[in-house]
Amino acid sequence: ERVSAHLPAQGHNGSRLVWRSELAPIKRKVVVFGNSCFERGGKWRLSWWFSRLFEEFHFVWDIDVLDDYADSVGADVVIGQTMERFMFARMPTR
């Protein structure tokens, strides 16, 4: 069940959604700072799965991990999902 949502009037940065599930198999509070890979709860997106796997799940659309937010909600697990966009593989030259 989605228990709160903050959606900016324009764009997606800063979106913040929270779900709780008493029946979730993993009794942990997870906070994800991510992007469209998690999305805002659309069916079959990662947020959809996490909101069902974890007792409490927070999704914040942000490129940074906001330590103050994670601390304020008492997160057990924090994931910074957007960093893969800035990684690259260097192919060896022959």
N, C-alpha and C. Protein backbone atom coordinates (compact mmCIF):
# COMPACT_ATOMS: atom_id res chain seq x y z
N GLU A 1 0.85 -1.18 0.00
CA GLU A 1 0.00 0.00 0.00
C GLU A 1 0.89 1.24 0.00
N ARG A 2 0.63 2.15 -0.93
CA ARG A 2 1.37 3.41 -0.94
C ARG A 2 0.78 4.30 0.16
N VAL A 3 1.65 4.75 1.07
CA VAL A 3 1.18 5.53 2.20
C VAL A 3 1.47 7.02 2.07
N SER A 4 2.40 7.38 1.18
CA SER A 4 2.62 8.81 0.94
C SER A 4 3.30 9.01 -0.41
N ALA A 5 3.08 10.20 -0.96
CA ALA A 5 3.69 10.55 -2.24
C ALA A 5 3.89 12.05 -2.31
N HIS A 6 5.10 12.42 -2.68
CA HIS A 6 5.40 13.82 -2.98
C HIS A 6 5.85 13.82 -4.44
N LEU A 7 5.06 14.44 -5.30
CA LEU A 7 5.36 14.48 -6.73
C LEU A 7 5.48 15.93 -7.15
N PRO A 8 6.65 16.34 -7.63
CA PRO A 8 6.83 17.73 -8.06
C PRO A 8 5.84 18.11 -9.16
N ALA A 9 5.50 19.38 -9.21
CA ALA A 9 4.57 19.87 -10.23
C ALA A 9 5.13 19.66 -11.63
N GLN A 10 6.45 19.76 -11.76
CA GLN A 10 7.09 19.56 -13.06
C GLN A 10 8.26 18.61 -12.89
N GLY A 11 8.42 17.72 -13.85
CA GLY A 11 9.55 16.80 -13.84
C GLY A 11 9.40 15.68 -12.84
N HIS A 12 10.49 14.99 -12.63
CA HIS A 12 10.46 13.82 -11.75
C HIS A 12 11.48 13.91 -10.62
N ASN A 13 12.54 14.70 -10.79
CA ASN A 13 13.54 14.85 -9.73
C ASN A 13 12.88 15.33 -8.45
N GLY A 14 13.21 14.65 -7.36
CA GLY A 14 12.62 15.01 -6.08
C GLY A 14 11.35 14.26 -5.75
N SER A 15 10.85 13.44 -6.68
CA SER A 15 9.69 12.60 -6.35
C SER A 15 10.06 11.73 -5.16
N ARG A 16 9.10 11.54 -4.27
CA ARG A 16 9.35 10.72 -3.09
C ARG A 16 8.07 9.94 -2.78
N LEU A 17 8.18 8.61 -2.77
CA LEU A 17 7.03 7.75 -2.52
C LEU A 17 7.39 6.72 -1.46
N VAL A 18 6.40 6.38 -0.64
CA VAL A 18 6.62 5.42 0.44
C VAL A 18 5.51 4.37 0.41
N TRP A 19 5.91 3.11 0.50
CA TRP A 19 4.97 2.00 0.58
C TRP A 19 5.23 1.21 1.86
N ARG A 20 4.17 0.61 2.39
CA ARG A 20 4.28 -0.31 3.54
C ARG A 20 3.49 -1.57 3.22
N SER A 21 4.07 -2.69 3.66
CA SER A 21 3.41 -3.97 3.45
C SER A 21 3.65 -4.86 4.67
N GLU A 22 2.62 -5.04 5.47
CA GLU A 22 2.73 -5.90 6.65
C GLU A 22 3.00 -7.36 6.27
N LEU A 23 2.60 -7.75 5.07
CA LEU A 23 2.77 -9.13 4.63
C LEU A 23 4.09 -9.38 3.90
N ALA A 24 4.91 -8.36 3.79
CA ALA A 24 6.18 -8.50 3.05
C ALA A 24 7.07 -9.56 3.69
N PRO A 25 7.75 -10.34 2.88
CA PRO A 25 8.61 -11.40 3.42
C PRO A 25 9.89 -10.88 4.09
N ILE A 26 10.33 -9.68 3.74
CA ILE A 26 11.57 -9.13 4.30
C ILE A 26 11.20 -7.96 5.20
N LYS A 27 11.43 -8.14 6.49
CA LYS A 27 11.03 -7.15 7.49
C LYS A 27 12.14 -6.10 7.66
N ARG A 28 12.35 -5.32 6.62
CA ARG A 28 13.37 -4.27 6.62
C ARG A 28 12.80 -3.02 5.96
N LYS A 29 13.40 -1.88 6.33
CA LYS A 29 13.04 -0.60 5.72
C LYS A 29 14.15 -0.25 4.72
N VAL A 30 13.77 -0.12 3.45
CA VAL A 30 14.72 0.13 2.37
C VAL A 30 14.44 1.50 1.76
N VAL A 31 15.51 2.26 1.54
CA VAL A 31 15.41 3.54 0.85
C VAL A 31 16.27 3.46 -0.41
N VAL A 32 15.66 3.79 -1.55
CA VAL A 32 16.38 3.81 -2.82
C VAL A 32 16.39 5.23 -3.35
N PHE A 33 17.58 5.70 -3.71
CA PHE A 33 17.75 6.95 -4.43
C PHE A 33 18.06 6.53 -5.86
N GLY A 34 17.11 6.76 -6.76
CA GLY A 34 17.26 6.22 -8.09
C GLY A 34 16.57 7.03 -9.16
N ASN A 35 16.30 6.35 -10.28
CA ASN A 35 15.70 7.01 -11.44
C ASN A 35 14.66 6.09 -12.08
N SER A 36 14.51 6.18 -13.38
CA SER A 36 13.44 5.47 -14.07
C SER A 36 13.57 3.95 -14.02
N CYS A 37 14.72 3.42 -13.66
CA CYS A 37 14.82 1.96 -13.48
C CYS A 37 13.91 1.51 -12.35
N PHE A 38 13.77 2.35 -11.33
CA PHE A 38 12.84 2.03 -10.24
C PHE A 38 11.47 2.62 -10.54
N GLU A 39 11.45 3.80 -11.11
CA GLU A 39 10.21 4.50 -11.47
C GLU A 39 9.42 4.82 -10.21
N ARG A 40 8.19 5.19 -10.35
CA ARG A 40 7.37 5.63 -9.22
C ARG A 40 6.27 4.63 -8.90
N GLY A 41 6.58 3.36 -9.07
CA GLY A 41 5.64 2.32 -8.69
C GLY A 41 4.89 1.68 -9.82
N GLY A 42 5.21 2.03 -11.05
CA GLY A 42 4.52 1.42 -12.18
C GLY A 42 4.67 -0.09 -12.16
N LYS A 43 3.64 -0.76 -12.59
CA LYS A 43 3.65 -2.23 -12.54
C LYS A 43 4.87 -2.79 -13.27
N TRP A 44 5.51 -3.71 -12.61
CA TRP A 44 6.68 -4.45 -13.08
C TRP A 44 7.96 -3.64 -13.04
N ARG A 45 7.94 -2.39 -12.61
CA ARG A 45 9.18 -1.65 -12.39
C ARG A 45 9.77 -2.10 -11.06
N LEU A 46 11.01 -1.75 -10.79
CA LEU A 46 11.65 -2.20 -9.56
C LEU A 46 10.93 -1.72 -8.31
N SER A 47 10.37 -0.51 -8.33
CA SER A 47 9.62 -0.04 -7.16
C SER A 47 8.41 -0.93 -6.87
N TRP A 48 7.78 -1.42 -7.92
CA TRP A 48 6.64 -2.32 -7.74
C TRP A 48 7.07 -3.56 -6.97
N TRP A 49 8.22 -4.15 -7.35
CA TRP A 49 8.72 -5.35 -6.68
C TRP A 49 9.18 -5.05 -5.26
N PHE A 50 9.95 -3.98 -5.09
CA PHE A 50 10.48 -3.65 -3.76
C PHE A 50 9.36 -3.34 -2.78
N SER A 51 8.29 -2.71 -3.26
CA SER A 51 7.18 -2.37 -2.37
C SER A 51 6.45 -3.61 -1.86
N ARG A 52 6.67 -4.74 -2.50
CA ARG A 52 6.06 -5.99 -2.08
C ARG A 52 7.03 -6.89 -1.32
N LEU A 53 8.32 -6.71 -1.55
CA LEU A 53 9.32 -7.53 -0.89
C LEU A 53 9.68 -7.05 0.51
N PHE A 54 9.65 -5.72 0.71
CA PHE A 54 10.12 -5.13 1.96
C PHE A 54 8.96 -4.53 2.75
N GLU A 55 9.07 -4.62 4.07
CA GLU A 55 8.01 -4.12 4.94
C GLU A 55 7.76 -2.63 4.74
N GLU A 56 8.83 -1.87 4.51
CA GLU A 56 8.67 -0.45 4.18
C GLU A 56 9.69 -0.09 3.11
N PHE A 57 9.21 0.58 2.08
CA PHE A 57 10.07 0.93 0.94
C PHE A 57 9.87 2.39 0.58
N HIS A 58 10.99 3.11 0.50
CA HIS A 58 10.99 4.52 0.11
C HIS A 58 11.73 4.64 -1.22
N PHE A 59 11.14 5.34 -2.15
CA PHE A 59 11.82 5.65 -3.41
C PHE A 59 11.93 7.16 -3.54
N VAL A 60 13.17 7.63 -3.73
CA VAL A 60 13.44 9.05 -3.93
C VAL A 60 14.15 9.19 -5.27
N TRP A 61 13.55 9.97 -6.18
CA TRP A 61 14.15 10.17 -7.50
C TRP A 61 15.21 11.25 -7.35
N ASP A 62 16.46 10.80 -7.25
CA ASP A 62 17.57 11.73 -7.05
C ASP A 62 18.85 11.03 -7.47
N ILE A 63 19.80 11.78 -8.01
CA ILE A 63 21.08 11.19 -8.40
C ILE A 63 22.02 11.04 -7.21
N ASP A 64 21.70 11.68 -6.11
CA ASP A 64 22.55 11.62 -4.92
C ASP A 64 21.89 10.78 -3.83
N VAL A 65 22.72 10.17 -3.00
CA VAL A 65 22.23 9.52 -1.79
C VAL A 65 22.12 10.61 -0.74
N LEU A 66 20.92 10.82 -0.25
CA LEU A 66 20.66 11.87 0.73
C LEU A 66 20.70 11.25 2.13
N ASP A 67 21.88 11.30 2.74
CA ASP A 67 22.09 10.67 4.04
C ASP A 67 21.10 11.15 5.09
N ASP A 68 20.82 12.45 5.09
CA ASP A 68 19.89 13.01 6.09
C ASP A 68 18.51 12.37 5.98
N TYR A 69 18.05 12.16 4.74
CA TYR A 69 16.74 11.53 4.56
C TYR A 69 16.77 10.09 5.06
N ALA A 70 17.77 9.33 4.64
CA ALA A 70 17.88 7.92 5.05
C ALA A 70 17.94 7.81 6.57
N ASP A 71 18.72 8.68 7.20
CA ASP A 71 18.82 8.67 8.66
C ASP A 71 17.49 9.03 9.31
N SER A 72 16.79 10.02 8.74
CA SER A 72 15.55 10.50 9.35
C SER A 72 14.44 9.45 9.35
N VAL A 73 14.48 8.54 8.38
CA VAL A 73 13.44 7.50 8.33
C VAL A 73 13.91 6.19 8.94
N GLY A 74 15.16 6.13 9.38
CA GLY A 74 15.68 4.92 10.01
C GLY A 74 15.87 3.76 9.05
N ALA A 75 16.45 4.04 7.89
CA ALA A 75 16.63 3.01 6.87
C ALA A 75 17.55 1.89 7.36
N ASP A 76 17.15 0.65 7.08
CA ASP A 76 18.00 -0.51 7.33
C ASP A 76 18.97 -0.72 6.17
N VAL A 77 18.49 -0.41 4.96
CA VAL A 77 19.27 -0.59 3.74
C VAL A 77 19.09 0.66 2.89
N VAL A 78 20.20 1.15 2.32
CA VAL A 78 20.17 2.31 1.41
C VAL A 78 20.81 1.89 0.09
N ILE A 79 20.12 2.18 -1.01
CA ILE A 79 20.63 1.86 -2.35
C ILE A 79 20.73 3.14 -3.15
N GLY A 80 21.90 3.36 -3.74
CA GLY A 80 22.09 4.47 -4.68
C GLY A 80 22.13 3.87 -6.08
N GLN A 81 21.00 3.86 -6.77
CA GLN A 81 20.86 3.14 -8.03
C GLN A 81 21.39 3.89 -9.24
N THR A 82 21.49 5.20 -9.21
CA THR A 82 21.81 5.94 -10.44
C THR A 82 23.27 5.93 -10.83
N MET A 83 24.13 5.46 -9.98
CA MET A 83 25.56 5.59 -10.28
C MET A 83 26.00 4.79 -11.50
N GLU A 84 25.27 3.76 -11.89
CA GLU A 84 25.69 2.97 -13.04
C GLU A 84 25.69 3.79 -14.33
N ARG A 85 24.95 4.86 -14.37
CA ARG A 85 24.92 5.71 -15.56
C ARG A 85 26.26 6.39 -15.80
N PHE A 86 27.03 6.55 -14.74
CA PHE A 86 28.28 7.29 -14.84
C PHE A 86 29.49 6.37 -14.89
N MET A 87 29.25 5.08 -14.93
CA MET A 87 30.34 4.11 -15.03
C MET A 87 30.50 3.73 -16.50
N PHE A 88 31.69 3.35 -16.87
CA PHE A 88 31.89 2.91 -18.24
C PHE A 88 32.93 1.79 -18.22
N ALA A 89 32.88 1.00 -19.25
CA ALA A 89 33.86 -0.09 -19.40
C ALA A 89 34.86 0.33 -20.46
N ARG A 90 36.11 0.15 -20.16
CA ARG A 90 37.16 0.45 -21.13
C ARG A 90 37.58 -0.87 -21.76
N MET A 91 37.45 -0.93 -23.05
CA MET A 91 37.82 -2.16 -23.76
C MET A 91 39.33 -2.16 -23.98
N PRO A 92 39.97 -3.30 -23.74
CA PRO A 92 41.42 -3.36 -23.95
C PRO A 92 41.76 -3.19 -25.43
N THR A 93 42.85 -2.53 -25.68
CA THR A 93 43.30 -2.37 -27.08
C THR A 93 44.27 -3.49 -27.40
N ARG A 94 44.30 -3.85 -28.64
CA ARG A 94 45.21 -4.94 -29.06
C ARG A 94 46.33 -4.40 -29.87
